[in-house]
């Protein structure tokens, strides 16, 4: 899944494909949410606070599942990448 870096102190990058949304936290933990509508993903991308949006609209509704630990993400925004 292609990942896009986001501006957030907690979330490093997100990806979306076939109603699955991957969320890479700055800690390096990668989570996957299933059955996420595309409009929710687009709202997340445009939200001023990704962490607040995640807690309010994603965390308890789409039950993120831990996928793996990857290297901790850099603080600086990076171009799109693939995990």
PDB file of N, CA and C in Angstrom:
ATOM      1  N   UNK A   1       0.856  -1.178   0.000  1.00  0.00           N
ATOM      2  CA  UNK A   1       0.000   0.000   0.000  1.00  0.00           C
ATOM      3  C   UNK A   1       0.896   1.234   0.000  1.00  0.00           C
ATOM      4  N   UNK A   2       0.593   2.191  -0.856  1.00  0.00           N
ATOM      5  CA  UNK A   2       1.341   3.443  -0.867  1.00  0.00           C
ATOM      6  C   UNK A   2       0.978   4.253   0.366  1.00  0.00           C
ATOM      7  N   UNK A   3       1.990   4.824   0.995  1.00  0.00           N
ATOM      8  CA  UNK A   3       1.805   5.620   2.195  1.00  0.00           C
ATOM      9  C   UNK A   3       2.128   7.078   1.882  1.00  0.00           C
ATOM     10  N   UNK A   4       1.373   7.982   2.511  1.00  0.00           N
ATOM     11  CA  UNK A   4       1.582   9.413   2.342  1.00  0.00           C
ATOM     12  C   UNK A   4       1.918  10.002   3.702  1.00  0.00           C
ATOM     13  N   UNK A   5       3.019  10.730   3.772  1.00  0.00           N
ATOM     14  CA  UNK A   5       3.393  11.398   5.015  1.00  0.00           C
ATOM     15  C   UNK A   5       2.373  12.471   5.355  1.00  0.00           C
ATOM     16  N   UNK A   6       2.100  12.615   6.648  1.00  0.00           N
ATOM     17  CA  UNK A   6       1.168  13.650   7.098  1.00  0.00           C
ATOM     18  C   UNK A   6       1.843  14.514   8.158  1.00  0.00           C
ATOM     19  N   UNK A   7       1.324  15.712   8.297  1.00  0.00           N
ATOM     20  CA  UNK A   7       1.845  16.635   9.300  1.00  0.00           C
ATOM     21  C   UNK A   7       1.120  16.362  10.617  1.00  0.00           C
ATOM     22  N   UNK A   8       1.814  15.709  11.531  1.00  0.00           N
ATOM     23  CA  UNK A   8       1.228  15.352  12.820  1.00  0.00           C
ATOM     24  C   UNK A   8       2.352  15.029  13.791  1.00  0.00           C
ATOM     25  N   UNK A   9       2.138  15.322  15.046  1.00  0.00           N
ATOM     26  CA  UNK A   9       3.156  14.994  16.046  1.00  0.00           C
ATOM     27  C   UNK A   9       3.088  13.528  16.464  1.00  0.00           C
ATOM     28  N   UNK A  10       1.995  12.848  16.143  1.00  0.00           N
ATOM     29  CA  UNK A  10       1.786  11.461  16.562  1.00  0.00           C
ATOM     30  C   UNK A  10       1.761  10.484  15.389  1.00  0.00           C
ATOM     31  N   UNK A  11       1.163  10.892  14.286  1.00  0.00           N
ATOM     32  CA  UNK A  11       0.997  10.023  13.118  1.00  0.00           C
ATOM     33  C   UNK A  11       1.968  10.461  12.034  1.00  0.00           C
ATOM     34  N   UNK A  12       2.726   9.500  11.500  1.00  0.00           N
ATOM     35  CA  UNK A  12       3.737   9.809  10.487  1.00  0.00           C
ATOM     36  C   UNK A  12       3.194   9.719   9.072  1.00  0.00           C
ATOM     37  N   UNK A  13       2.379   8.690   8.809  1.00  0.00           N
ATOM     38  CA  UNK A  13       1.911   8.468   7.444  1.00  0.00           C
ATOM     39  C   UNK A  13       0.651   7.622   7.445  1.00  0.00           C
ATOM     40  N   UNK A  14      -0.097   7.715   6.340  1.00  0.00           N
ATOM     41  CA  UNK A  14      -1.293   6.906   6.159  1.00  0.00           C
ATOM     42  C   UNK A  14      -1.344   6.385   4.733  1.00  0.00           C
ATOM     43  N   UNK A  15      -2.045   5.281   4.579  1.00  0.00           N
ATOM     44  CA  UNK A  15      -2.281   4.727   3.259  1.00  0.00           C
ATOM     45  C   UNK A  15      -3.719   4.259   3.182  1.00  0.00           C
ATOM     46  N   UNK A  16      -4.251   4.210   1.964  1.00  0.00           N
ATOM     47  CA  UNK A  16      -5.636   3.780   1.790  1.00  0.00           C
ATOM     48  C   UNK A  16      -5.753   2.988   0.498  1.00  0.00           C
ATOM     49  N   UNK A  17      -6.374   1.820   0.607  1.00  0.00           N
ATOM     50  CA  UNK A  17      -6.568   0.967  -0.564  1.00  0.00           C
ATOM     51  C   UNK A  17      -7.681  -0.036  -0.271  1.00  0.00           C
ATOM     52  N   UNK A  18      -8.654  -0.121  -1.166  1.00  0.00           N
ATOM     53  CA  UNK A  18      -9.746  -1.097  -1.034  1.00  0.00           C
ATOM     54  C   UNK A  18     -10.410  -1.077   0.344  1.00  0.00           C
ATOM     55  N   UNK A  19     -10.740   0.095   0.829  1.00  0.00           N
ATOM     56  CA  UNK A  19     -11.414   0.302   2.122  1.00  0.00           C
ATOM     57  C   UNK A  19     -10.561  -0.041   3.340  1.00  0.00           C
ATOM     58  N   UNK A  20      -9.265  -0.303   3.126  1.00  0.00           N
ATOM     59  CA  UNK A  20      -8.331  -0.510   4.241  1.00  0.00           C
ATOM     60  C   UNK A  20      -7.491   0.743   4.412  1.00  0.00           C
ATOM     61  N   UNK A  21      -7.305   1.143   5.645  1.00  0.00           N
ATOM     62  CA  UNK A  21      -6.513   2.327   5.954  1.00  0.00           C
ATOM     63  C   UNK A  21      -5.379   1.916   6.885  1.00  0.00           C
ATOM     64  N   UNK A  22      -4.153   2.136   6.431  1.00  0.00           N
ATOM     65  CA  UNK A  22      -2.986   1.877   7.263  1.00  0.00           C
ATOM     66  C   UNK A  22      -2.548   3.174   7.914  1.00  0.00           C
ATOM     67  N   UNK A  23      -2.192   3.089   9.179  1.00  0.00           N
ATOM     68  CA  UNK A  23      -1.750   4.260   9.931  1.00  0.00           C
ATOM     69  C   UNK A  23      -0.409   3.924  10.563  1.00  0.00           C
ATOM     70  N   UNK A  24       0.599   4.687  10.207  1.00  0.00           N
ATOM     71  CA  UNK A  24       1.936   4.516  10.763  1.00  0.00           C
ATOM     72  C   UNK A  24       2.169   5.613  11.791  1.00  0.00           C
ATOM     73  N   UNK A  25       2.339   5.203  13.040  1.00  0.00           N
ATOM     74  CA  UNK A  25       2.594   6.165  14.103  1.00  0.00           C
ATOM     75  C   UNK A  25       4.080   6.499  14.151  1.00  0.00           C
ATOM     76  N   UNK A  26       4.408   7.632  14.696  1.00  0.00           N
ATOM     77  CA  UNK A  26       5.812   8.057  14.776  1.00  0.00           C
ATOM     78  C   UNK A  26       6.654   7.091  15.596  1.00  0.00           C
ATOM     79  N   UNK A  27       6.030   6.320  16.452  1.00  0.00           N
ATOM     80  CA  UNK A  27       6.730   5.312  17.248  1.00  0.00           C
ATOM     81  C   UNK A  27       7.228   4.164  16.375  1.00  0.00           C
ATOM     82  N   UNK A  28       6.694   4.080  15.144  1.00  0.00           N
ATOM     83  CA  UNK A  28       7.059   3.000  14.238  1.00  0.00           C
ATOM     84  C   UNK A  28       6.027   1.888  14.203  1.00  0.00           C
ATOM     85  N   UNK A  29       4.963   1.991  15.006  1.00  0.00           N
ATOM     86  CA  UNK A  29       3.924   0.962  15.008  1.00  0.00           C
ATOM     87  C   UNK A  29       2.955   1.211  13.858  1.00  0.00           C
ATOM     88  N   UNK A  30       2.680   0.143  13.119  1.00  0.00           N
ATOM     89  CA  UNK A  30       1.776   0.215  11.982  1.00  0.00           C
ATOM     90  C   UNK A  30       0.471  -0.497  12.325  1.00  0.00           C
ATOM     91  N   UNK A  31      -0.643   0.181  12.098  1.00  0.00           N
ATOM     92  CA  UNK A  31      -1.962  -0.369  12.353  1.00  0.00           C
ATOM     93  C   UNK A  31      -2.788  -0.351  11.069  1.00  0.00           C
ATOM     94  N   UNK A  32      -3.729  -1.288  10.965  1.00  0.00           N
ATOM     95  CA  UNK A  32      -4.632  -1.340   9.814  1.00  0.00           C
ATOM     96  C   UNK A  32      -6.078  -1.321  10.306  1.00  0.00           C
ATOM     97  N   UNK A  33      -6.888  -0.492   9.638  1.00  0.00           N
ATOM     98  CA  UNK A  33      -8.321  -0.410   9.895  1.00  0.00           C
ATOM     99  C   UNK A  33      -9.044  -0.921   8.656  1.00  0.00           C
ATOM    100  N   UNK A  34     -10.102  -1.689   8.853  1.00  0.00           N
ATOM    101  CA  UNK A  34     -10.845  -2.274   7.749  1.00  0.00           C
ATOM    102  C   UNK A  34     -12.202  -1.603   7.588  1.00  0.00           C
ATOM    103  N   UNK A  35     -12.739  -1.660   6.384  1.00  0.00           N
ATOM    104  CA  UNK A  35     -14.073  -1.118   6.055  1.00  0.00           C
ATOM    105  C   UNK A  35     -14.171   0.373   6.326  1.00  0.00           C
ATOM    106  N   UNK A  36     -13.115   1.094   6.048  1.00  0.00           N
ATOM    107  CA  UNK A  36     -13.113   2.547   6.223  1.00  0.00           C
ATOM    108  C   UNK A  36     -13.626   3.185   4.930  1.00  0.00           C
ATOM    109  N   UNK A  37     -14.710   3.946   4.993  1.00  0.00           N
ATOM    110  CA  UNK A  37     -15.206   4.614   3.793  1.00  0.00           C
ATOM    111  C   UNK A  37     -14.182   5.630   3.271  1.00  0.00           C
ATOM    112  N   UNK A  38     -14.154   5.794   1.968  1.00  0.00           N
ATOM    113  CA  UNK A  38     -13.191   6.716   1.362  1.00  0.00           C
ATOM    114  C   UNK A  38     -13.379   8.141   1.864  1.00  0.00           C
ATOM    115  N   UNK A  39     -14.619   8.550   2.122  1.00  0.00           N
ATOM    116  CA  UNK A  39     -14.837   9.917   2.611  1.00  0.00           C
ATOM    117  C   UNK A  39     -14.240  10.121   4.004  1.00  0.00           C
ATOM    118  N   UNK A  40     -14.180   9.077   4.824  1.00  0.00           N
ATOM    119  CA  UNK A  40     -13.544   9.175   6.145  1.00  0.00           C
ATOM    120  C   UNK A  40     -12.037   9.351   5.963  1.00  0.00           C
ATOM    121  N   UNK A  41     -11.453   8.591   5.048  1.00  0.00           N
ATOM    122  CA  UNK A  41     -10.014   8.739   4.759  1.00  0.00           C
ATOM    123  C   UNK A  41      -9.718  10.160   4.275  1.00  0.00           C
ATOM    124  N   UNK A  42     -10.515  10.670   3.349  1.00  0.00           N
ATOM    125  CA  UNK A  42     -10.289  12.026   2.818  1.00  0.00           C
ATOM    126  C   UNK A  42     -10.448  13.083   3.916  1.00  0.00           C
ATOM    127  N   UNK A  43     -11.414  12.880   4.801  1.00  0.00           N
ATOM    128  CA  UNK A  43     -11.595  13.819   5.914  1.00  0.00           C
ATOM    129  C   UNK A  43     -10.398  13.765   6.855  1.00  0.00           C
ATOM    130  N   UNK A  44      -9.868  12.571   7.072  1.00  0.00           N
ATOM    131  CA  UNK A  44      -8.669  12.421   7.909  1.00  0.00           C
ATOM    132  C   UNK A  44      -7.503  13.192   7.306  1.00  0.00           C
ATOM    133  N   UNK A  45      -7.275  13.013   6.007  1.00  0.00           N
ATOM    134  CA  UNK A  45      -6.165  13.679   5.320  1.00  0.00           C
ATOM    135  C   UNK A  45      -6.279  15.198   5.439  1.00  0.00           C
ATOM    136  N   UNK A  46      -7.490  15.726   5.373  1.00  0.00           N
ATOM    137  CA  UNK A  46      -7.652  17.179   5.415  1.00  0.00           C
ATOM    138  C   UNK A  46      -7.859  17.737   6.828  1.00  0.00           C
ATOM    139  N   UNK A  47      -7.930  16.877   7.820  1.00  0.00           N
ATOM    140  CA  UNK A  47      -8.150  17.331   9.210  1.00  0.00           C
ATOM    141  C   UNK A  47      -6.942  18.126   9.708  1.00  0.00           C
ATOM    142  N   UNK A  48      -7.178  19.221  10.428  1.00  0.00           N
ATOM    143  CA  UNK A  48      -6.061  20.007  10.960  1.00  0.00           C
ATOM    144  C   UNK A  48      -5.270  19.248  12.034  1.00  0.00           C
ATOM    145  N   UNK A  49      -5.936  18.369  12.767  1.00  0.00           N
ATOM    146  CA  UNK A  49      -5.255  17.556  13.774  1.00  0.00           C
ATOM    147  C   UNK A  49      -5.536  16.082  13.482  1.00  0.00           C
ATOM    148  N   UNK A  50      -4.541  15.398  12.956  1.00  0.00           N
ATOM    149  CA  UNK A  50      -4.707  13.985  12.603  1.00  0.00           C
ATOM    150  C   UNK A  50      -4.944  13.131  13.852  1.00  0.00           C
ATOM    151  N   UNK A  51      -4.242  13.432  14.932  1.00  0.00           N
ATOM    152  CA  UNK A  51      -4.401  12.674  16.174  1.00  0.00           C
ATOM    153  C   UNK A  51      -5.799  12.805  16.760  1.00  0.00           C
ATOM    154  N   UNK A  52      -6.326  14.015  16.779  1.00  0.00           N
ATOM    155  CA  UNK A  52      -7.683  14.235  17.303  1.00  0.00           C
ATOM    156  C   UNK A  52      -8.716  13.550  16.419  1.00  0.00           C
ATOM    157  N   UNK A  53      -8.523  13.626  15.107  1.00  0.00           N
ATOM    158  CA  UNK A  53      -9.451  12.974  14.190  1.00  0.00           C
ATOM    159  C   UNK A  53      -9.411  11.464  14.386  1.00  0.00           C
ATOM    160  N   UNK A  54      -8.204  10.914  14.502  1.00  0.00           N
ATOM    161  CA  UNK A  54      -8.057   9.479  14.727  1.00  0.00           C
ATOM    162  C   UNK A  54      -8.798   9.058  15.992  1.00  0.00           C
ATOM    163  N   UNK A  55      -8.594   9.773  17.078  1.00  0.00           N
ATOM    164  CA  UNK A  55      -9.239   9.423  18.353  1.00  0.00           C
ATOM    165  C   UNK A  55     -10.761   9.582  18.303  1.00  0.00           C
ATOM    166  N   UNK A  56     -11.236  10.604  17.614  1.00  0.00           N
ATOM    167  CA  UNK A  56     -12.674  10.882  17.588  1.00  0.00           C
ATOM    168  C   UNK A  56     -13.443  10.064  16.558  1.00  0.00           C
ATOM    169  N   UNK A  57     -12.839   9.794  15.399  1.00  0.00           N
ATOM    170  CA  UNK A  57     -13.617   9.208  14.303  1.00  0.00           C
ATOM    171  C   UNK A  57     -13.145   7.850  13.799  1.00  0.00           C
ATOM    172  N   UNK A  58     -11.968   7.410  14.223  1.00  0.00           N
ATOM    173  CA  UNK A  58     -11.440   6.145  13.691  1.00  0.00           C
ATOM    174  C   UNK A  58     -11.206   5.106  14.776  1.00  0.00           C
ATOM    175  N   UNK A  59     -10.544   5.480  15.830  1.00  0.00           N
ATOM    176  CA  UNK A  59     -10.078   4.543  16.863  1.00  0.00           C
ATOM    177  C   UNK A  59     -11.137   3.568  17.363  1.00  0.00           C
ATOM    178  N   UNK A  60     -12.282   4.047  17.768  1.00  0.00           N
ATOM    179  CA  UNK A  60     -13.310   3.171  18.342  1.00  0.00           C
ATOM    180  C   UNK A  60     -14.311   2.648  17.317  1.00  0.00           C
ATOM    181  N   UNK A  61     -14.279   3.178  16.114  1.00  0.00           N
ATOM    182  CA  UNK A  61     -15.241   2.763  15.099  1.00  0.00           C
ATOM    183  C   UNK A  61     -14.684   1.677  14.175  1.00  0.00           C
ATOM    184  N   UNK A  62     -13.407   1.778  13.824  1.00  0.00           N
ATOM    185  CA  UNK A  62     -12.831   0.844  12.846  1.00  0.00           C
ATOM    186  C   UNK A  62     -11.807  -0.106  13.466  1.00  0.00           C
ATOM    187  N   UNK A  63     -11.707  -0.149  14.773  1.00  0.00           N
ATOM    188  CA  UNK A  63     -10.833  -1.047  15.530  1.00  0.00           C
ATOM    189  C   UNK A  63      -9.481  -1.315  14.854  1.00  0.00           C
ATOM    190  N   UNK A  64      -8.568  -0.359  14.933  1.00  0.00           N
ATOM    191  CA  UNK A  64      -7.249  -0.568  14.328  1.00  0.00           C
ATOM    192  C   UNK A  64      -6.585  -1.836  14.858  1.00  0.00           C
ATOM    193  N   UNK A  65      -6.014  -2.604  13.963  1.00  0.00           N
ATOM    194  CA  UNK A  65      -5.304  -3.832  14.343  1.00  0.00           C
ATOM    195  C   UNK A  65      -3.816  -3.633  14.124  1.00  0.00           C
ATOM    196  N   UNK A  66      -3.059  -4.003  15.138  1.00  0.00           N
ATOM    197  CA  UNK A  66      -1.609  -3.894  15.058  1.00  0.00           C
ATOM    198  C   UNK A  66      -1.099  -4.827  13.965  1.00  0.00           C
ATOM    199  N   UNK A  67      -0.256  -4.303  13.075  1.00  0.00           N
ATOM    200  CA  UNK A  67       0.297  -5.087  11.979  1.00  0.00           C
ATOM    201  C   UNK A  67       1.757  -5.432  12.245  1.00  0.00           C
ATOM    202  N   UNK A  68       2.578  -4.418  12.498  1.00  0.00           N
ATOM    203  CA  UNK A  68       4.003  -4.653  12.713  1.00  0.00           C
ATOM    204  C   UNK A  68       4.695  -3.410  13.228  1.00  0.00           C
ATOM    205  N   UNK A  69       5.896  -3.617  13.707  1.00  0.00           N
ATOM    206  CA  UNK A  69       6.771  -2.515  14.110  1.00  0.00           C
ATOM    207  C   UNK A  69       7.719  -2.262  12.955  1.00  0.00           C
ATOM    208  N   UNK A  70       7.781  -1.038  12.507  1.00  0.00           N
ATOM    209  CA  UNK A  70       8.736  -0.644  11.476  1.00  0.00           C
ATOM    210  C   UNK A  70       9.662   0.392  12.088  1.00  0.00           C
ATOM    211  N   UNK A  71      10.626   0.800  11.347  1.00  0.00           N
ATOM    212  CA  UNK A  71      11.551   1.806  11.899  1.00  0.00           C
ATOM    213  C   UNK A  71      10.771   3.055  12.295  1.00  0.00           C
ATOM    214  N   UNK A  72      11.166   3.708  13.381  1.00  0.00           N
ATOM    215  CA  UNK A  72      10.480   4.951  13.764  1.00  0.00           C
ATOM    216  C   UNK A  72      10.538   5.958  12.624  1.00  0.00           C
ATOM    217  N   UNK A  73       9.447   6.642  12.411  1.00  0.00           N
ATOM    218  CA  UNK A  73       9.347   7.591  11.306  1.00  0.00           C
ATOM    219  C   UNK A  73      10.048   8.902  11.640  1.00  0.00           C
ATOM    220  N   UNK A  74      10.643   9.525  10.631  1.00  0.00           N
ATOM    221  CA  UNK A  74      11.288  10.821  10.861  1.00  0.00           C
ATOM    222  C   UNK A  74      10.250  11.896  11.163  1.00  0.00           C
ATOM    223  N   UNK A  75      10.667  12.929  11.825  1.00  0.00           N
ATOM    224  CA  UNK A  75       9.768  14.038  12.169  1.00  0.00           C
ATOM    225  C   UNK A  75       9.420  14.873  10.942  1.00  0.00           C
ATOM    226  N   UNK A  76      10.315  14.937   9.988  1.00  0.00           N
ATOM    227  CA  UNK A  76      10.139  15.760   8.813  1.00  0.00           C
ATOM    228  C   UNK A  76       9.264  15.038   7.790  1.00  0.00           C
ATOM    229  N   UNK A  77       8.411  15.790   7.101  1.00  0.00           N
ATOM    230  CA  UNK A  77       7.553  15.184   6.075  1.00  0.00           C
ATOM    231  C   UNK A  77       8.421  14.605   4.966  1.00  0.00           C
ATOM    232  N   UNK A  78       8.007  13.465   4.471  1.00  0.00           N
ATOM    233  CA  UNK A  78       8.736  12.782   3.407  1.00  0.00           C
ATOM    234  C   UNK A  78       7.795  12.549   2.237  1.00  0.00           C
ATOM    235  N   UNK A  79       8.360  12.284   1.059  1.00  0.00           N
ATOM    236  CA  UNK A  79       7.504  11.992  -0.096  1.00  0.00           C
ATOM    237  C   UNK A  79       6.781  10.654   0.106  1.00  0.00           C
ATOM    238  N   UNK A  80       5.764  10.375  -0.699  1.00  0.00           N
ATOM    239  CA  UNK A  80       5.058   9.099  -0.572  1.00  0.00           C
ATOM    240  C   UNK A  80       6.015   7.917  -0.643  1.00  0.00           C
ATOM    241  N   UNK A  81       5.686   6.865   0.077  1.00  0.00           N
ATOM    242  CA  UNK A  81       6.539   5.683   0.089  1.00  0.00           C
ATOM    243  C   UNK A  81       5.680   4.437   0.194  1.00  0.00           C
ATOM    244  N   UNK A  82       6.299   3.304   0.029  1.00  0.00           N
ATOM    245  CA  UNK A  82       5.590   2.030   0.055  1.00  0.00           C
ATOM    246  C   UNK A  82       6.137   1.163   1.163  1.00  0.00           C
ATOM    247  N   UNK A  83       5.255   0.552   1.968  1.00  0.00           N
ATOM    248  CA  UNK A  83       5.690  -0.369   3.019  1.00  0.00           C
ATOM    249  C   UNK A  83       5.695  -1.771   2.501  1.00  0.00           C
TER     250      UNK A  83
END
